[in-house]
Structures are given as C-alpha cells and as structure tokens.
Amino acid sequence: MRDRRHPELARLDGHIEAQVEKHRPLSVDRLHARFTRLWPRANRVLRRIPA
C-alpha cells in the first residue's frame, strides 16, 4: 500500500533492506576470530580453557 501512495519510497525501502542484510550479525566463528585478533590477551586466556 505504501508503494502506491508513495512510489518514491520503494527505492528507499530497497536500500534499507540491503543495509540490514549487509550488517547482519557475523557468525560465531567470525566473531570469535575477530575478538581473538583484537585482544591477544583474551586469546591466550581462551587457549587455556579446554574446548
């Protein structure tokens, strides 16, 4: 309904959807890799904890 009343907003909706997809949370493995890369001390601590 919004598209019929405001056709110019359809492009904006598409842009917002693309941004949401782009900023979806990273997978746990990628978050862990980023965390351990940014915090070497945490990396050492995590290595001591058995998986």
PDB file of N, CA and C in Angstrom:
ATOM      1  N   MET A   1       0.828  -1.198   0.000  1.00  0.00           N
ATOM      2  CA  MET A   1       0.000   0.000   0.000  1.00  0.00           C
ATOM      3  C   MET A   1       0.870   1.260   0.000  1.00  0.00           C
ATOM      4  N   ARG A   2       1.941   1.216   0.746  1.00  0.00           N
ATOM      5  CA  ARG A   2       2.834   2.360   0.822  1.00  0.00           C
ATOM      6  C   ARG A   2       3.423   2.695  -0.551  1.00  0.00           C
ATOM      7  N   ASP A   3       3.718   1.649  -1.328  1.00  0.00           N
ATOM      8  CA  ASP A   3       4.307   1.878  -2.648  1.00  0.00           C
ATOM      9  C   ASP A   3       3.346   2.616  -3.575  1.00  0.00           C
ATOM     10  N   ARG A   4       2.043   2.331  -3.453  1.00  0.00           N
ATOM     11  CA  ARG A   4       1.069   3.007  -4.321  1.00  0.00           C
ATOM     12  C   ARG A   4       0.940   4.479  -3.954  1.00  0.00           C
ATOM     13  N   ARG A   5       0.939   4.771  -2.667  1.00  0.00           N
ATOM     14  CA  ARG A   5       0.783   6.166  -2.246  1.00  0.00           C
ATOM     15  C   ARG A   5       2.066   6.966  -2.440  1.00  0.00           C
ATOM     16  N   HIS A   6       3.199   6.310  -2.176  1.00  0.00           N
ATOM     17  CA  HIS A   6       4.497   6.993  -2.249  1.00  0.00           C
ATOM     18  C   HIS A   6       5.470   6.144  -3.064  1.00  0.00           C
ATOM     19  N   PRO A   7       5.352   6.179  -4.385  1.00  0.00           N
ATOM     20  CA  PRO A   7       6.223   5.315  -5.202  1.00  0.00           C
ATOM     21  C   PRO A   7       7.707   5.618  -5.005  1.00  0.00           C
ATOM     22  N   GLU A   8       8.051   6.847  -4.638  1.00  0.00           N
ATOM     23  CA  GLU A   8       9.469   7.195  -4.458  1.00  0.00           C
ATOM     24  C   GLU A   8      10.081   6.494  -3.250  1.00  0.00           C
ATOM     25  N   LEU A   9       9.243   6.018  -2.328  1.00  0.00           N
ATOM     26  CA  LEU A   9       9.775   5.352  -1.135  1.00  0.00           C
ATOM     27  C   LEU A   9      10.136   3.892  -1.392  1.00  0.00           C
ATOM     28  N   ALA A  10       9.705   3.325  -2.491  1.00  0.00           N
ATOM     29  CA  ALA A  10      10.042   1.930  -2.794  1.00  0.00           C
ATOM     30  C   ALA A  10      11.555   1.772  -2.891  1.00  0.00           C
ATOM     31  N   ARG A  11      12.216   2.761  -3.509  1.00  0.00           N
ATOM     32  CA  ARG A  11      13.684   2.699  -3.611  1.00  0.00           C
ATOM     33  C   ARG A  11      14.323   2.762  -2.238  1.00  0.00           C
ATOM     34  N   LEU A  12      13.787   3.606  -1.375  1.00  0.00           N
ATOM     35  CA  LEU A  12      14.328   3.734  -0.023  1.00  0.00           C
ATOM     36  C   LEU A  12      14.171   2.426   0.744  1.00  0.00           C
ATOM     37  N   ASP A  13      13.010   1.787   0.611  1.00  0.00           N
ATOM     38  CA  ASP A  13      12.795   0.500   1.277  1.00  0.00           C
ATOM     39  C   ASP A  13      13.817  -0.529   0.811  1.00  0.00           C
ATOM     40  N   GLY A  14      14.085  -0.551  -0.490  1.00  0.00           N
ATOM     41  CA  GLY A  14      15.081  -1.474  -1.023  1.00  0.00           C
ATOM     42  C   GLY A  14      16.457  -1.189  -0.455  1.00  0.00           C
ATOM     43  N   HIS A  15      16.794   0.081  -0.330  1.00  0.00           N
ATOM     44  CA  HIS A  15      18.089   0.470   0.222  1.00  0.00           C
ATOM     45  C   HIS A  15      18.204   0.039   1.683  1.00  0.00           C
ATOM     46  N   ILE A  16      17.141   0.245   2.456  1.00  0.00           N
ATOM     47  CA  ILE A  16      17.150  -0.138   3.870  1.00  0.00           C
ATOM     48  C   ILE A  16      17.312  -1.656   3.996  1.00  0.00           C
ATOM     49  N   GLU A  17      16.598  -2.414   3.171  1.00  0.00           N
ATOM     50  CA  GLU A  17      16.724  -3.875   3.219  1.00  0.00           C
ATOM     51  C   GLU A  17      18.150  -4.307   2.912  1.00  0.00           C
ATOM     52  N   ALA A  18      18.785  -3.669   1.933  1.00  0.00           N
ATOM     53  CA  ALA A  18      20.161  -4.014   1.580  1.00  0.00           C
ATOM     54  C   ALA A  18      21.099  -3.718   2.742  1.00  0.00           C
ATOM     55  N   GLN A  19      20.900  -2.594   3.425  1.00  0.00           N
ATOM     56  CA  GLN A  19      21.753  -2.247   4.559  1.00  0.00           C
ATOM     57  C   GLN A  19      21.573  -3.229   5.709  1.00  0.00           C
ATOM     58  N   VAL A  20      20.336  -3.657   5.937  1.00  0.00           N
ATOM     59  CA  VAL A  20      20.080  -4.629   7.009  1.00  0.00           C
ATOM     60  C   VAL A  20      20.814  -5.927   6.704  1.00  0.00           C
ATOM     61  N   GLU A  21      20.742  -6.386   5.454  1.00  0.00           N
ATOM     62  CA  GLU A  21      21.443  -7.620   5.074  1.00  0.00           C
ATOM     63  C   GLU A  21      22.948  -7.457   5.270  1.00  0.00           C
ATOM     64  N   LYS A  22      23.455  -6.294   4.885  1.00  0.00           N
ATOM     65  CA  LYS A  22      24.893  -6.042   4.956  1.00  0.00           C
ATOM     66  C   LYS A  22      25.398  -6.070   6.399  1.00  0.00           C
ATOM     67  N   HIS A  23      24.572  -5.615   7.336  1.00  0.00           N
ATOM     68  CA  HIS A  23      25.013  -5.517   8.726  1.00  0.00           C
ATOM     69  C   HIS A  23      24.448  -6.617   9.616  1.00  0.00           C
ATOM     70  N   ARG A  24      24.058  -7.730   9.002  1.00  0.00           N
ATOM     71  CA  ARG A  24      23.586  -8.863   9.793  1.00  0.00           C
ATOM     72  C   ARG A  24      24.698  -9.311  10.738  1.00  0.00           C
ATOM     73  N   PRO A  25      24.355  -9.801  11.911  1.00  0.00           N
ATOM     74  CA  PRO A  25      25.415 -10.242  12.838  1.00  0.00           C
ATOM     75  C   PRO A  25      26.314 -11.294  12.191  1.00  0.00           C
ATOM     76  N   LEU A  26      27.589 -11.212  12.518  1.00  0.00           N
ATOM     77  CA  LEU A  26      28.547 -12.175  11.993  1.00  0.00           C
ATOM     78  C   LEU A  26      28.321 -13.529  12.649  1.00  0.00           C
ATOM     79  N   SER A  27      28.795 -14.564  12.007  1.00  0.00           N
ATOM     80  CA  SER A  27      28.684 -15.895  12.599  1.00  0.00           C
ATOM     81  C   SER A  27      29.543 -15.938  13.861  1.00  0.00           C
ATOM     82  N   VAL A  28      29.271 -16.890  14.727  1.00  0.00           N
ATOM     83  CA  VAL A  28      30.010 -17.010  15.988  1.00  0.00           C
ATOM     84  C   VAL A  28      31.492 -17.203  15.716  1.00  0.00           C
ATOM     85  N   ASP A  29      31.831 -18.031  14.720  1.00  0.00           N
ATOM     86  CA  ASP A  29      33.243 -18.272  14.411  1.00  0.00           C
ATOM     87  C   ASP A  29      33.942 -16.989  13.987  1.00  0.00           C
ATOM     88  N   ARG A  30      33.263 -16.188  13.158  1.00  0.00           N
ATOM     89  CA  ARG A  30      33.890 -14.936  12.716  1.00  0.00           C
ATOM     90  C   ARG A  30      34.004 -13.950  13.866  1.00  0.00           C
ATOM     91  N   LEU A  31      32.988 -13.910  14.744  1.00  0.00           N
ATOM     92  CA  LEU A  31      33.078 -13.035  15.912  1.00  0.00           C
ATOM     93  C   LEU A  31      34.239 -13.460  16.803  1.00  0.00           C
ATOM     94  N   HIS A  32      34.400 -14.762  17.008  1.00  0.00           N
ATOM     95  CA  HIS A  32      35.486 -15.272  17.845  1.00  0.00           C
ATOM     96  C   HIS A  32      36.835 -14.933  17.232  1.00  0.00           C
ATOM     97  N   ALA A  33      36.946 -15.096  15.914  1.00  0.00           N
ATOM     98  CA  ALA A  33      38.209 -14.785  15.240  1.00  0.00           C
ATOM     99  C   ALA A  33      38.540 -13.302  15.382  1.00  0.00           C
ATOM    100  N   ARG A  34      37.538 -12.451  15.235  1.00  0.00           N
ATOM    101  CA  ARG A  34      37.772 -11.012  15.361  1.00  0.00           C
ATOM    102  C   ARG A  34      38.166 -10.656  16.793  1.00  0.00           C
ATOM    103  N   PHE A  35      37.465 -11.245  17.749  1.00  0.00           N
ATOM    104  CA  PHE A  35      37.748 -10.974  19.157  1.00  0.00           C
ATOM    105  C   PHE A  35      39.182 -11.364  19.507  1.00  0.00           C
ATOM    106  N   THR A  36      39.585 -12.586  19.107  1.00  0.00           N
ATOM    107  CA  THR A  36      40.924 -13.051  19.461  1.00  0.00           C
ATOM    108  C   THR A  36      42.000 -12.275  18.713  1.00  0.00           C
ATOM    109  N   ARG A  37      41.675 -11.762  17.524  1.00  0.00           N
ATOM    110  CA  ARG A  37      42.659 -10.959  16.794  1.00  0.00           C
ATOM    111  C   ARG A  37      42.836  -9.606  17.466  1.00  0.00           C
ATOM    112  N   LEU A  38      41.741  -9.041  17.973  1.00  0.00           N
ATOM    113  CA  LEU A  38      41.823  -7.705  18.556  1.00  0.00           C
ATOM    114  C   LEU A  38      42.352  -7.722  19.986  1.00  0.00           C
ATOM    115  N   TRP A  39      42.130  -8.833  20.699  1.00  0.00           N
ATOM    116  CA  TRP A  39      42.563  -8.893  22.090  1.00  0.00           C
ATOM    117  C   TRP A  39      43.472 -10.098  22.307  1.00  0.00           C
ATOM    118  N   PRO A  40      44.772  -9.946  22.049  1.00  0.00           N
ATOM    119  CA  PRO A  40      45.704 -11.082  22.190  1.00  0.00           C
ATOM    120  C   PRO A  40      45.697 -11.677  23.596  1.00  0.00           C
ATOM    121  N   ARG A  41      45.505 -10.840  24.604  1.00  0.00           N
ATOM    122  CA  ARG A  41      45.480 -11.365  25.975  1.00  0.00           C
ATOM    123  C   ARG A  41      44.292 -12.312  26.152  1.00  0.00           C
ATOM    124  N   ALA A  42      43.149 -11.922  25.626  1.00  0.00           N
ATOM    125  CA  ALA A  42      41.970 -12.791  25.686  1.00  0.00           C
ATOM    126  C   ALA A  42      42.224 -14.073  24.901  1.00  0.00           C
ATOM    127  N   ASN A  43      42.954 -13.960  23.818  1.00  0.00           N
ATOM    128  CA  ASN A  43      43.291 -15.136  23.026  1.00  0.00           C
ATOM    129  C   ASN A  43      44.084 -16.128  23.871  1.00  0.00           C
ATOM    130  N   ARG A  44      45.066 -15.638  24.628  1.00  0.00           N
ATOM    131  CA  ARG A  44      45.865 -16.519  25.486  1.00  0.00           C
ATOM    132  C   ARG A  44      44.993 -17.181  26.545  1.00  0.00           C
ATOM    133  N   VAL A  45      44.091 -16.415  27.140  1.00  0.00           N
ATOM    134  CA  VAL A  45      43.202 -16.960  28.168  1.00  0.00           C
ATOM    135  C   VAL A  45      42.295 -18.026  27.563  1.00  0.00           C
ATOM    136  N   LEU A  46      41.735 -17.749  26.395  1.00  0.00           N
ATOM    137  CA  LEU A  46      40.824 -18.705  25.767  1.00  0.00           C
ATOM    138  C   LEU A  46      41.533 -20.003  25.392  1.00  0.00           C
ATOM    139  N   ARG A  47      42.822 -19.925  25.061  1.00  0.00           N
ATOM    140  CA  ARG A  47      43.561 -21.136  24.702  1.00  0.00           C
ATOM    141  C   ARG A  47      43.731 -22.051  25.905  1.00  0.00           C
ATOM    142  N   ARG A  48      43.789 -21.455  27.114  1.00  0.00           N
ATOM    143  CA  ARG A  48      43.967 -22.264  28.328  1.00  0.00           C
ATOM    144  C   ARG A  48      42.697 -23.009  28.713  1.00  0.00           C
ATOM    145  N   ILE A  49      41.542 -22.505  28.264  1.00  0.00           N
ATOM    146  CA  ILE A  49      40.269 -23.140  28.607  1.00  0.00           C
ATOM    147  C   ILE A  49      40.020 -24.278  27.624  1.00  0.00           C
ATOM    148  N   PRO A  50      39.882 -25.512  28.123  1.00  0.00           N
ATOM    149  CA  PRO A  50      39.645 -26.620  27.181  1.00  0.00           C
ATOM    150  C   PRO A  50      38.311 -26.464  26.454  1.00  0.00           C
ATOM    151  N   ALA A  51      38.315 -26.810  25.195  1.00  0.00           N
ATOM    152  CA  ALA A  51      37.098 -26.651  24.377  1.00  0.00           C
ATOM    153  C   ALA A  51      36.022 -27.631  24.820  1.00  0.00           C
TER     154      ALA A  51
END
